[in-house]
Amino acid sequence: MLLKYLLLLCVLVSGDVKVFAESDLYTYEEQQCLLNGGICVESRQCPYKNRLHTQEVVCNSGSVCCDSIPPSPICRRNGGECITTDGCRSGLAVDRATDCEDGQKCCILVQ
């Protein structure tokens, strides 16, 4: 019991209490990029015209703040899932995804 109080006292004195929130999943730089409408990606994945060029928006080394998610041939990277062709509503198919099997298409997941 004394150990619990001692530990609590140490935490209170040191101020090292950490409450995890969604913002803890990103670095400060990534948060700034997200707040400006972008996403940090590898520089080779974002065309120059799609890069957000502001002083306060700087991603980690080797990354840039891009105003859109780079196109990918992988369905899941586009926010979709491979399902049967007739199971995907009109307008939700991702044509650039090429990793689905025959008889399937990449369909954006919506709630």
PDB file of N, CA and C in Angstrom:
ATOM      1  N   MET A   1       0.822  -1.190   0.000  1.00  0.00           N
ATOM      2  CA  MET A   1       0.000   0.000   0.000  1.00  0.00           C
ATOM      3  C   MET A   1       0.870   1.260   0.000  1.00  0.00           C
ATOM      4  N   LEU A   2       1.902   1.242   0.809  1.00  0.00           N
ATOM      5  CA  LEU A   2       2.816   2.379   0.875  1.00  0.00           C
ATOM      6  C   LEU A   2       3.496   2.603  -0.480  1.00  0.00           C
ATOM      7  N   LEU A   3       3.782   1.505  -1.170  1.00  0.00           N
ATOM      8  CA  LEU A   3       4.423   1.597  -2.485  1.00  0.00           C
ATOM      9  C   LEU A   3       3.522   2.319  -3.485  1.00  0.00           C
ATOM     10  N   LYS A   4       2.212   2.058  -3.436  1.00  0.00           N
ATOM     11  CA  LYS A   4       1.271   2.731  -4.337  1.00  0.00           C
ATOM     12  C   LYS A   4       1.288   4.237  -4.102  1.00  0.00           C
ATOM     13  N   TYR A   5       1.260   4.647  -2.839  1.00  0.00           N
ATOM     14  CA  TYR A   5       1.281   6.077  -2.530  1.00  0.00           C
ATOM     15  C   TYR A   5       2.597   6.720  -2.940  1.00  0.00           C
ATOM     16  N   LEU A   6       3.682   6.004  -2.743  1.00  0.00           N
ATOM     17  CA  LEU A   6       4.990   6.515  -3.127  1.00  0.00           C
ATOM     18  C   LEU A   6       5.067   6.693  -4.643  1.00  0.00           C
ATOM     19  N   LEU A   7       4.560   5.716  -5.372  1.00  0.00           N
ATOM     20  CA  LEU A   7       4.532   5.794  -6.830  1.00  0.00           C
ATOM     21  C   LEU A   7       3.657   6.953  -7.285  1.00  0.00           C
ATOM     22  N   LEU A   8       2.492   7.104  -6.673  1.00  0.00           N
ATOM     23  CA  LEU A   8       1.592   8.198  -7.018  1.00  0.00           C
ATOM     24  C   LEU A   8       2.253   9.543  -6.739  1.00  0.00           C
ATOM     25  N   LEU A   9       2.936   9.645  -5.624  1.00  0.00           N
ATOM     26  CA  LEU A   9       3.633  10.876  -5.271  1.00  0.00           C
ATOM     27  C   LEU A   9       4.728  11.190  -6.287  1.00  0.00           C
ATOM     28  N   CYS A  10       5.466  10.177  -6.715  1.00  0.00           N
ATOM     29  CA  CYS A  10       6.528  10.372  -7.716  1.00  0.00           C
ATOM     30  C   CYS A  10       5.949  10.859  -9.031  1.00  0.00           C
ATOM     31  N   VAL A  11       4.837  10.282  -9.439  1.00  0.00           N
ATOM     32  CA  VAL A  11       4.198  10.681 -10.691  1.00  0.00           C
ATOM     33  C   VAL A  11       3.700  12.111 -10.592  1.00  0.00           C
ATOM     34  N   LEU A  12       3.071  12.449  -9.475  1.00  0.00           N
ATOM     35  CA  LEU A  12       2.556  13.804  -9.309  1.00  0.00           C
ATOM     36  C   LEU A  12       3.673  14.837  -9.265  1.00  0.00           C
ATOM     37  N   VAL A  13       4.762  14.516  -8.608  1.00  0.00           N
ATOM     38  CA  VAL A  13       5.883  15.445  -8.498  1.00  0.00           C
ATOM     39  C   VAL A  13       6.596  15.604  -9.834  1.00  0.00           C
ATOM     40  N   SER A  14       6.805  14.497 -10.525  1.00  0.00           N
ATOM     41  CA  SER A  14       7.543  14.576 -11.789  1.00  0.00           C
ATOM     42  C   SER A  14       6.686  15.109 -12.927  1.00  0.00           C
ATOM     43  N   GLY A  15       5.364  14.970 -12.822  1.00  0.00           N
ATOM     44  CA  GLY A  15       4.477  15.456 -13.878  1.00  0.00           C
ATOM     45  C   GLY A  15       4.530  14.621 -15.130  1.00  0.00           C
ATOM     46  N   ASP A  16       4.972  13.389 -15.021  1.00  0.00           N
ATOM     47  CA  ASP A  16       5.110  12.536 -16.192  1.00  0.00           C
ATOM     48  C   ASP A  16       3.872  11.693 -16.460  1.00  0.00           C
ATOM     49  N   VAL A  17       2.721  12.178 -16.099  1.00  0.00           N
ATOM     50  CA  VAL A  17       1.491  11.452 -16.383  1.00  0.00           C
ATOM     51  C   VAL A  17       1.181  11.666 -17.852  1.00  0.00           C
ATOM     52  N   LYS A  18       0.983  10.597 -18.586  1.00  0.00           N
ATOM     53  CA  LYS A  18       0.752  10.687 -20.021  1.00  0.00           C
ATOM     54  C   LYS A  18      -0.618  10.114 -20.328  1.00  0.00           C
ATOM     55  N   VAL A  19      -1.493  10.907 -20.872  1.00  0.00           N
ATOM     56  CA  VAL A  19      -2.800  10.451 -21.309  1.00  0.00           C
ATOM     57  C   VAL A  19      -2.742  10.404 -22.826  1.00  0.00           C
ATOM     58  N   PHE A  20      -2.980   9.236 -23.369  1.00  0.00           N
ATOM     59  CA  PHE A  20      -2.881   9.085 -24.815  1.00  0.00           C
ATOM     60  C   PHE A  20      -4.173   9.532 -25.479  1.00  0.00           C
ATOM     61  N   ALA A  21      -4.014  10.278 -26.514  1.00  0.00           N
ATOM     62  CA  ALA A  21      -5.140  10.737 -27.312  1.00  0.00           C
ATOM     63  C   ALA A  21      -4.787  10.506 -28.767  1.00  0.00           C
ATOM     64  N   GLU A  22      -5.731  10.780 -29.643  1.00  0.00           N
ATOM     65  CA  GLU A  22      -5.475  10.582 -31.070  1.00  0.00           C
ATOM     66  C   GLU A  22      -4.279  11.403 -31.527  1.00  0.00           C
ATOM     67  N   SER A  23      -4.105  12.580 -30.964  1.00  0.00           N
ATOM     68  CA  SER A  23      -2.991  13.434 -31.374  1.00  0.00           C
ATOM     69  C   SER A  23      -1.641  12.815 -31.045  1.00  0.00           C
ATOM     70  N   ASP A  24      -1.594  11.864 -30.098  1.00  0.00           N
ATOM     71  CA  ASP A  24      -0.340  11.205 -29.754  1.00  0.00           C
ATOM     72  C   ASP A  24       0.123  10.243 -30.848  1.00  0.00           C
ATOM     73  N   LEU A  25      -0.737   9.946 -31.790  1.00  0.00           N
ATOM     74  CA  LEU A  25      -0.382   9.022 -32.861  1.00  0.00           C
ATOM     75  C   LEU A  25       0.469   9.700 -33.929  1.00  0.00           C
ATOM     76  N   TYR A  26       0.523  11.013 -33.913  1.00  0.00           N
ATOM     77  CA  TYR A  26       1.238  11.769 -34.927  1.00  0.00           C
ATOM     78  C   TYR A  26       2.310  12.635 -34.277  1.00  0.00           C
ATOM     79  N   THR A  27       3.362  12.911 -35.023  1.00  0.00           N
ATOM     80  CA  THR A  27       4.357  13.863 -34.537  1.00  0.00           C
ATOM     81  C   THR A  27       3.770  15.265 -34.663  1.00  0.00           C
ATOM     82  N   TYR A  28       4.430  16.236 -34.052  1.00  0.00           N
ATOM     83  CA  TYR A  28       3.974  17.626 -34.149  1.00  0.00           C
ATOM     84  C   TYR A  28       3.901  18.056 -35.613  1.00  0.00           C
ATOM     85  N   GLU A  29       4.906  17.678 -36.392  1.00  0.00           N
ATOM     86  CA  GLU A  29       4.942  18.066 -37.796  1.00  0.00           C
ATOM     87  C   GLU A  29       3.764  17.469 -38.562  1.00  0.00           C
ATOM     88  N   GLU A  30       3.460  16.199 -38.289  1.00  0.00           N
ATOM     89  CA  GLU A  30       2.340  15.560 -38.976  1.00  0.00           C
ATOM     90  C   GLU A  30       1.021  16.214 -38.596  1.00  0.00           C
ATOM     91  N   GLN A  31       0.885  16.607 -37.329  1.00  0.00           N
ATOM     92  CA  GLN A  31      -0.329  17.297 -36.890  1.00  0.00           C
ATOM     93  C   GLN A  31      -0.495  18.610 -37.646  1.00  0.00           C
ATOM     94  N   GLN A  32       0.596  19.350 -37.818  1.00  0.00           N
ATOM     95  CA  GLN A  32       0.529  20.626 -38.534  1.00  0.00           C
ATOM     96  C   GLN A  32       0.120  20.407 -39.985  1.00  0.00           C
ATOM     97  N   CYS A  33       0.628  19.362 -40.583  1.00  0.00           N
ATOM     98  CA  CYS A  33       0.262  19.033 -41.960  1.00  0.00           C
ATOM     99  C   CYS A  33      -1.226  18.688 -42.039  1.00  0.00           C
ATOM    100  N   LEU A  34      -1.707  17.840 -41.128  1.00  0.00           N
ATOM    101  CA  LEU A  34      -3.117  17.457 -41.105  1.00  0.00           C
ATOM    102  C   LEU A  34      -4.015  18.671 -40.900  1.00  0.00           C
ATOM    103  N   LEU A  35      -3.620  19.569 -39.998  1.00  0.00           N
ATOM    104  CA  LEU A  35      -4.417  20.768 -39.727  1.00  0.00           C
ATOM    105  C   LEU A  35      -4.498  21.688 -40.937  1.00  0.00           C
ATOM    106  N   ASN A  36      -3.531  21.599 -41.831  1.00  0.00           N
ATOM    107  CA  ASN A  36      -3.531  22.410 -43.048  1.00  0.00           C
ATOM    108  C   ASN A  36      -4.117  21.661 -44.245  1.00  0.00           C
ATOM    109  N   GLY A  37      -4.761  20.532 -43.985  1.00  0.00           N
ATOM    110  CA  GLY A  37      -5.451  19.805 -45.042  1.00  0.00           C
ATOM    111  C   GLY A  37      -4.595  18.832 -45.815  1.00  0.00           C
ATOM    112  N   GLY A  38      -3.446  18.450 -45.279  1.00  0.00           N
ATOM    113  CA  GLY A  38      -2.563  17.540 -45.992  1.00  0.00           C
ATOM    114  C   GLY A  38      -2.289  16.266 -45.229  1.00  0.00           C
ATOM    115  N   ILE A  39      -1.377  15.490 -45.776  1.00  0.00           N
ATOM    116  CA  ILE A  39      -0.934  14.252 -45.153  1.00  0.00           C
ATOM    117  C   ILE A  39       0.546  14.084 -45.478  1.00  0.00           C
ATOM    118  N   CYS A  40       1.343  13.686 -44.483  1.00  0.00           N
ATOM    119  CA  CYS A  40       2.778  13.490 -44.699  1.00  0.00           C
ATOM    120  C   CYS A  40       3.019  12.176 -45.436  1.00  0.00           C
ATOM    121  N   VAL A  41       3.675  12.256 -46.576  1.00  0.00           N
ATOM    122  CA  VAL A  41       4.010  11.073 -47.363  1.00  0.00           C
ATOM    123  C   VAL A  41       5.453  11.210 -47.841  1.00  0.00           C
ATOM    124  N   GLU A  42       6.013  10.112 -48.336  1.00  0.00           N
ATOM    125  CA  GLU A  42       7.356  10.175 -48.911  1.00  0.00           C
ATOM    126  C   GLU A  42       7.339  11.143 -50.090  1.00  0.00           C
ATOM    127  N   SER A  43       8.404  11.913 -50.225  1.00  0.00           N
ATOM    128  CA  SER A  43       8.431  12.952 -51.256  1.00  0.00           C
ATOM    129  C   SER A  43       8.234  12.390 -52.661  1.00  0.00           C
ATOM    130  N   ARG A  44       8.703  11.174 -52.907  1.00  0.00           N
ATOM    131  CA  ARG A  44       8.549  10.596 -54.258  1.00  0.00           C
ATOM    132  C   ARG A  44       7.096  10.232 -54.574  1.00  0.00           C
ATOM    133  N   GLN A  45       6.224  10.193 -53.553  1.00  0.00           N
ATOM    134  CA  GLN A  45       4.828   9.817 -53.760  1.00  0.00           C
ATOM    135  C   GLN A  45       3.916  11.008 -54.026  1.00  0.00           C
ATOM    136  N   CYS A  46       4.444  12.219 -53.891  1.00  0.00           N
ATOM    137  CA  CYS A  46       3.591  13.402 -54.034  1.00  0.00           C
ATOM    138  C   CYS A  46       4.138  14.321 -55.119  1.00  0.00           C
ATOM    139  N   PRO A  47       3.389  14.514 -56.204  1.00  0.00           N
ATOM    140  CA  PRO A  47       3.836  15.439 -57.246  1.00  0.00           C
ATOM    141  C   PRO A  47       4.032  16.841 -56.659  1.00  0.00           C
ATOM    142  N   TYR A  48       4.963  17.576 -57.214  1.00  0.00           N
ATOM    143  CA  TYR A  48       5.298  18.907 -56.703  1.00  0.00           C
ATOM    144  C   TYR A  48       4.060  19.802 -56.600  1.00  0.00           C
ATOM    145  N   LYS A  49       3.169  19.727 -57.584  1.00  0.00           N
ATOM    146  CA  LYS A  49       1.976  20.589 -57.602  1.00  0.00           C
ATOM    147  C   LYS A  49       1.016  20.287 -56.455  1.00  0.00           C
ATOM    148  N   ASN A  50       1.115  19.096 -55.847  1.00  0.00           N
ATOM    149  CA  ASN A  50       0.218  18.712 -54.756  1.00  0.00           C
ATOM    150  C   ASN A  50       0.806  18.973 -53.370  1.00  0.00           C
ATOM    151  N   ARG A  51       2.002  19.531 -53.315  1.00  0.00           N
ATOM    152  CA  ARG A  51       2.654  19.757 -52.021  1.00  0.00           C
ATOM    153  C   ARG A  51       2.190  21.069 -51.406  1.00  0.00           C
ATOM    154  N   LEU A  52       1.953  21.031 -50.093  1.00  0.00           N
ATOM    155  CA  LEU A  52       1.597  22.243 -49.367  1.00  0.00           C
ATOM    156  C   LEU A  52       2.886  22.938 -48.961  1.00  0.00           C
ATOM    157  N   HIS A  53       3.083  24.127 -49.462  1.00  0.00           N
ATOM    158  CA  HIS A  53       4.330  24.859 -49.224  1.00  0.00           C
ATOM    159  C   HIS A  53       4.072  26.029 -48.285  1.00  0.00           C
ATOM    160  N   THR A  54       4.138  25.768 -47.006  1.00  0.00           N
ATOM    161  CA  THR A  54       4.046  26.844 -46.027  1.00  0.00           C
ATOM    162  C   THR A  54       5.156  26.652 -45.015  1.00  0.00           C
ATOM    163  N   GLN A  55       5.548  27.713 -44.386  1.00  0.00           N
ATOM    164  CA  GLN A  55       6.664  27.686 -43.444  1.00  0.00           C
ATOM    165  C   GLN A  55       6.407  26.731 -42.278  1.00  0.00           C
ATOM    166  N   GLU A  56       5.174  26.755 -41.744  1.00  0.00           N
ATOM    167  CA  GLU A  56       4.896  25.964 -40.550  1.00  0.00           C
ATOM    168  C   GLU A  56       4.575  24.501 -40.835  1.00  0.00           C
ATOM    169  N   VAL A  57       4.397  24.147 -42.099  1.00  0.00           N
ATOM    170  CA  VAL A  57       4.076  22.759 -42.438  1.00  0.00           C
ATOM    171  C   VAL A  57       5.327  22.061 -42.936  1.00  0.00           C
ATOM    172  N   VAL A  58       5.947  21.310 -42.065  1.00  0.00           N
ATOM    173  CA  VAL A  58       7.158  20.571 -42.406  1.00  0.00           C
ATOM    174  C   VAL A  58       7.008  19.164 -41.851  1.00  0.00           C
ATOM    175  N   CYS A  59       7.129  18.174 -42.703  1.00  0.00           N
ATOM    176  CA  CYS A  59       7.036  16.787 -42.255  1.00  0.00           C
ATOM    177  C   CYS A  59       8.424  16.279 -41.871  1.00  0.00           C
ATOM    178  N   ASN A  60       8.469  15.086 -41.355  1.00  0.00           N
ATOM    179  CA  ASN A  60       9.747  14.477 -40.981  1.00  0.00           C
ATOM    180  C   ASN A  60      10.654  14.356 -42.199  1.00  0.00           C
ATOM    181  N   SER A  61      11.914  14.150 -41.961  1.00  0.00           N
ATOM    182  CA  SER A  61      12.909  14.050 -43.019  1.00  0.00           C
ATOM    183  C   SER A  61      12.502  13.034 -44.081  1.00  0.00           C
ATOM    184  N   GLY A  62      12.587  13.424 -45.321  1.00  0.00           N
ATOM    185  CA  GLY A  62      12.251  12.543 -46.432  1.00  0.00           C
ATOM    186  C   GLY A  62      10.780  12.551 -46.793  1.00  0.00           C
ATOM    187  N   SER A  63       9.971  13.297 -46.035  1.00  0.00           N
ATOM    188  CA  SER A  63       8.533  13.368 -46.293  1.00  0.00           C
ATOM    189  C   SER A  63       8.135  14.793 -46.637  1.00  0.00           C
ATOM    190  N   VAL A  64       6.994  14.918 -47.295  1.00  0.00           N
ATOM    191  CA  VAL A  64       6.427  16.221 -47.619  1.00  0.00           C
ATOM    192  C   VAL A  64       4.957  16.213 -47.238  1.00  0.00           C
ATOM    193  N   CYS A  65       4.405  17.403 -47.070  1.00  0.00           N
ATOM    194  CA  CYS A  65       2.982  17.534 -46.773  1.00  0.00           C
ATOM    195  C   CYS A  65       2.242  17.617 -48.102  1.00  0.00           C
ATOM    196  N   CYS A  66       1.436  16.619 -48.380  1.00  0.00           N
ATOM    197  CA  CYS A  66       0.753  16.497 -49.664  1.00  0.00           C
ATOM    198  C   CYS A  66      -0.739  16.773 -49.460  1.00  0.00           C
ATOM    199  N   ASP A  67      -1.365  17.475 -50.407  1.00  0.00           N
ATOM    200  CA  ASP A  67      -2.771  17.826 -50.244  1.00  0.00           C
ATOM    201  C   ASP A  67      -3.731  16.698 -50.598  1.00  0.00           C
ATOM    202  N   SER A  68      -3.200  15.559 -50.994  1.00  0.00           N
ATOM    203  CA  SER A  68      -4.058  14.413 -51.298  1.00  0.00           C
ATOM    204  C   SER A  68      -3.287  13.125 -51.050  1.00  0.00           C
ATOM    205  N   ILE A  69      -4.029  12.055 -50.874  1.00  0.00           N
ATOM    206  CA  ILE A  69      -3.392  10.756 -50.688  1.00  0.00           C
ATOM    207  C   ILE A  69      -2.899  10.288 -52.048  1.00  0.00           C
ATOM    208  N   PRO A  70      -1.636   9.905 -52.140  1.00  0.00           N
ATOM    209  CA  PRO A  70      -1.113   9.466 -53.430  1.00  0.00           C
ATOM    210  C   PRO A  70      -1.883   8.257 -53.957  1.00  0.00           C
ATOM    211  N   PRO A  71      -2.122   8.213 -55.259  1.00  0.00           N
ATOM    212  CA  PRO A  71      -2.816   7.058 -55.823  1.00  0.00           C
ATOM    213  C   PRO A  71      -2.009   5.785 -55.611  1.00  0.00           C
ATOM    214  N   SER A  72      -2.708   4.717 -55.344  1.00  0.00           N
ATOM    215  CA  SER A  72      -2.038   3.445 -55.099  1.00  0.00           C
ATOM    216  C   SER A  72      -2.785   2.332 -55.818  1.00  0.00           C
ATOM    217  N   PRO A  73      -2.058   1.353 -56.350  1.00  0.00           N
ATOM    218  CA  PRO A  73      -2.724   0.215 -56.974  1.00  0.00           C
ATOM    219  C   PRO A  73      -3.232  -0.793 -55.942  1.00  0.00           C
ATOM    220  N   ILE A  74      -2.994  -0.538 -54.654  1.00  0.00           N
ATOM    221  CA  ILE A  74      -3.412  -1.466 -53.603  1.00  0.00           C
ATOM    222  C   ILE A  74      -4.730  -0.985 -53.004  1.00  0.00           C
ATOM    223  N   CYS A  75      -5.721  -1.839 -53.023  1.00  0.00           N
ATOM    224  CA  CYS A  75      -7.077  -1.489 -52.609  1.00  0.00           C
ATOM    225  C   CYS A  75      -7.133  -0.910 -51.199  1.00  0.00           C
ATOM    226  N   ARG A  76      -6.550  -1.590 -50.234  1.00  0.00           N
ATOM    227  CA  ARG A  76      -6.632  -1.130 -48.831  1.00  0.00           C
ATOM    228  C   ARG A  76      -5.994   0.241 -48.626  1.00  0.00           C
ATOM    229  N   ARG A  77      -4.983   0.571 -49.401  1.00  0.00           N
ATOM    230  CA  ARG A  77      -4.355   1.896 -49.280  1.00  0.00           C
ATOM    231  C   ARG A  77      -5.264   3.000 -49.805  1.00  0.00           C
ATOM    232  N   ASN A  78      -6.296   2.626 -50.524  1.00  0.00           N
ATOM    233  CA  ASN A  78      -7.275   3.580 -51.028  1.00  0.00           C
ATOM    234  C   ASN A  78      -8.517   3.624 -50.148  1.00  0.00           C
ATOM    235  N   GLY A  79      -8.478   2.949 -49.007  1.00  0.00           N
ATOM    236  CA  GLY A  79      -9.619   2.942 -48.096  1.00  0.00           C
ATOM    237  C   GLY A  79     -10.713   1.979 -48.505  1.00  0.00           C
ATOM    238  N   GLY A  80     -10.344   0.982 -49.294  1.00  0.00           N
ATOM    239  CA  GLY A  80     -11.336   0.040 -49.781  1.00  0.00           C
ATOM    240  C   GLY A  80     -11.052  -1.392 -49.395  1.00  0.00           C
ATOM    241  N   GLU A  81     -11.895  -2.256 -49.915  1.00  0.00           N
ATOM    242  CA  GLU A  81     -11.758  -3.692 -49.697  1.00  0.00           C
ATOM    243  C   GLU A  81     -12.212  -4.399 -50.967  1.00  0.00           C
ATOM    244  N   CYS A  82     -11.541  -5.483 -51.322  1.00  0.00           N
ATOM    245  CA  CYS A  82     -11.913  -6.248 -52.505  1.00  0.00           C
ATOM    246  C   CYS A  82     -13.173  -7.057 -52.196  1.00  0.00           C
ATOM    247  N   ILE A  83     -14.236  -6.784 -52.941  1.00  0.00           N
ATOM    248  CA  ILE A  83     -15.493  -7.526 -52.761  1.00  0.00           C
ATOM    249  C   ILE A  83     -16.030  -7.906 -54.139  1.00  0.00           C
ATOM    250  N   THR A  84     -17.079  -8.727 -54.160  1.00  0.00           N
ATOM    251  CA  THR A  84     -17.657  -9.136 -55.439  1.00  0.00           C
ATOM    252  C   THR A  84     -18.130  -7.906 -56.206  1.00  0.00           C
ATOM    253  N   THR A  85     -18.039  -7.997 -57.511  1.00  0.00           N
ATOM    254  CA  THR A  85     -18.365  -6.869 -58.372  1.00  0.00           C
ATOM    255  C   THR A  85     -19.773  -6.351 -58.127  1.00  0.00           C
ATOM    256  N   ASP A  86     -20.735  -7.233 -57.952  1.00  0.00           N
ATOM    257  CA  ASP A  86     -22.118  -6.791 -57.756  1.00  0.00           C
ATOM    258  C   ASP A  86     -22.395  -6.294 -56.330  1.00  0.00           C
ATOM    259  N   GLY A  87     -21.440  -6.450 -55.414  1.00  0.00           N
ATOM    260  CA  GLY A  87     -21.629  -6.011 -54.030  1.00  0.00           C
ATOM    261  C   GLY A  87     -21.213  -4.577 -53.765  1.00  0.00           C
ATOM    262  N   CYS A  88     -20.688  -3.899 -54.783  1.00  0.00           N
ATOM    263  CA  CYS A  88     -20.208  -2.523 -54.599  1.00  0.00           C
ATOM    264  C   CYS A  88     -21.181  -1.546 -55.250  1.00  0.00           C
ATOM    265  N   ARG A  89     -21.684  -0.608 -54.452  1.00  0.00           N
ATOM    266  CA  ARG A  89     -22.627   0.378 -54.982  1.00  0.00           C
ATOM    267  C   ARG A  89     -21.954   1.288 -56.007  1.00  0.00           C
ATOM    268  N   SER A  90     -22.734   1.827 -56.867  1.00  0.00           N
ATOM    269  CA  SER A  90     -22.249   2.725 -57.907  1.00  0.00           C
ATOM    270  C   SER A  90     -21.551   3.932 -57.290  1.00  0.00           C
ATOM    271  N   GLY A  91     -20.415   4.292 -57.833  1.00  0.00           N
ATOM    272  CA  GLY A  91     -19.666   5.448 -57.376  1.00  0.00           C
ATOM    273  C   GLY A  91     -18.676   5.165 -56.261  1.00  0.00           C
ATOM    274  N   LEU A  92     -18.663   3.930 -55.729  1.00  0.00           N
ATOM    275  CA  LEU A  92     -17.755   3.602 -54.636  1.00  0.00           C
ATOM    276  C   LEU A  92     -16.576   2.740 -55.073  1.00  0.00           C
ATOM    277  N   ALA A  93     -16.526   2.395 -56.349  1.00  0.00           N
ATOM    278  CA  ALA A  93     -15.439   1.553 -56.847  1.00  0.00           C
ATOM    279  C   ALA A  93     -14.183   2.385 -57.089  1.00  0.00           C
ATOM    280  N   VAL A  94     -13.030   1.798 -56.773  1.00  0.00           N
ATOM    281  CA  VAL A  94     -11.732   2.443 -57.006  1.00  0.00           C
ATOM    282  C   VAL A  94     -11.076   1.723 -58.176  1.00  0.00           C
ATOM    283  N   ASP A  95     -11.107   2.357 -59.336  1.00  0.00           N
ATOM    284  CA  ASP A  95     -10.601   1.713 -60.546  1.00  0.00           C
ATOM    285  C   ASP A  95      -9.084   1.568 -60.566  1.00  0.00           C
ATOM    286  N   ARG A  96      -8.351   2.456 -59.890  1.00  0.00           N
ATOM    287  CA  ARG A  96      -6.887   2.393 -59.934  1.00  0.00           C
ATOM    288  C   ARG A  96      -6.315   1.239 -59.123  1.00  0.00           C
ATOM    289  N   ALA A  97      -7.118   0.632 -58.244  1.00  0.00           N
ATOM    290  CA  ALA A  97      -6.647  -0.512 -57.456  1.00  0.00           C
ATOM    291  C   ALA A  97      -6.663  -1.751 -58.347  1.00  0.00           C
ATOM    292  N   THR A  98      -5.518  -2.409 -58.433  1.00  0.00           N
ATOM    293  CA  THR A  98      -5.391  -3.547 -59.354  1.00  0.00           C
ATOM    294  C   THR A  98      -5.089  -4.859 -58.640  1.00  0.00           C
ATOM    295  N   ASP A  99      -5.208  -4.887 -57.325  1.00  0.00           N
ATOM    296  CA  ASP A  99      -4.830  -6.094 -56.590  1.00  0.00           C
ATOM    297  C   ASP A  99      -5.998  -7.015 -56.251  1.00  0.00           C
ATOM    298  N   CYS A 100      -7.197  -6.698 -56.705  1.00  0.00           N
ATOM    299  CA  CYS A 100      -8.351  -7.567 -56.444  1.00  0.00           C
ATOM    300  C   CYS A 100      -8.367  -8.736 -57.428  1.00  0.00           C
ATOM    301  N   GLU A 101      -8.937  -9.845 -56.982  1.00  0.00           N
ATOM    302  CA  GLU A 101      -9.008 -11.043 -57.822  1.00  0.00           C
ATOM    303  C   GLU A 101     -10.086 -10.885 -58.885  1.00  0.00           C
ATOM    304  N   ASP A 102     -10.100 -11.805 -59.854  1.00  0.00           N
ATOM    305  CA  ASP A 102     -11.130 -11.794 -60.892  1.00  0.00           C
ATOM    306  C   ASP A 102     -12.504 -11.908 -60.247  1.00  0.00           C
ATOM    307  N   GLY A 103     -13.454 -11.141 -60.762  1.00  0.00           N
ATOM    308  CA  GLY A 103     -14.812 -11.151 -60.218  1.00  0.00           C
ATOM    309  C   GLY A 103     -14.983 -10.240 -59.013  1.00  0.00           C
ATOM    310  N   GLN A 104     -13.910  -9.537 -58.640  1.00  0.00           N
ATOM    311  CA  GLN A 104     -13.972  -8.603 -57.516  1.00  0.00           C
ATOM    312  C   GLN A 104     -13.541  -7.219 -57.977  1.00  0.00           C
ATOM    313  N   LYS A 105     -13.930  -6.226 -57.197  1.00  0.00           N
ATOM    314  CA  LYS A 105     -13.450  -4.866 -57.425  1.00  0.00           C
ATOM    315  C   LYS A 105     -13.192  -4.217 -56.079  1.00  0.00           C
ATOM    316  N   CYS A 106     -12.371  -3.202 -56.108  1.00  0.00           N
ATOM    317  CA  CYS A 106     -12.056  -2.464 -54.890  1.00  0.00           C
ATOM    318  C   CYS A 106     -13.204  -1.503 -54.619  1.00  0.00           C
ATOM    319  N   CYS A 107     -13.797  -1.620 -53.441  1.00  0.00           N
ATOM    320  CA  CYS A 107     -14.946  -0.804 -53.080  1.00  0.00           C
ATOM    321  C   CYS A 107     -14.613  -0.011 -51.815  1.00  0.00           C
ATOM    322  N   ILE A 108     -14.865   1.301 -51.843  1.00  0.00           N
ATOM    323  CA  ILE A 108     -14.614   2.160 -50.686  1.00  0.00           C
ATOM    324  C   ILE A 108     -15.531   1.740 -49.548  1.00  0.00           C
ATOM    325  N   LEU A 109     -14.959   1.622 -48.354  1.00  0.00           N
ATOM    326  CA  LEU A 109     -15.739   1.244 -47.182  1.00  0.00           C
ATOM    327  C   LEU A 109     -16.391   2.481 -46.584  1.00  0.00           C
ATOM    328  N   VAL A 110     -17.701   2.470 -46.484  1.00  0.00           N
ATOM    329  CA  VAL A 110     -18.451   3.572 -45.875  1.00  0.00           C
ATOM    330  C   VAL A 110     -19.358   3.006 -44.796  1.00  0.00           C
ATOM    331  N   GLN A 111     -19.687   3.856 -43.832  1.00  0.00           N
ATOM    332  CA  GLN A 111     -20.578   3.409 -42.754  1.00  0.00           C
ATOM    333  C   GLN A 111     -21.974   3.875 -43.015  1.00  0.00           C
TER     334      GLN A 111
END
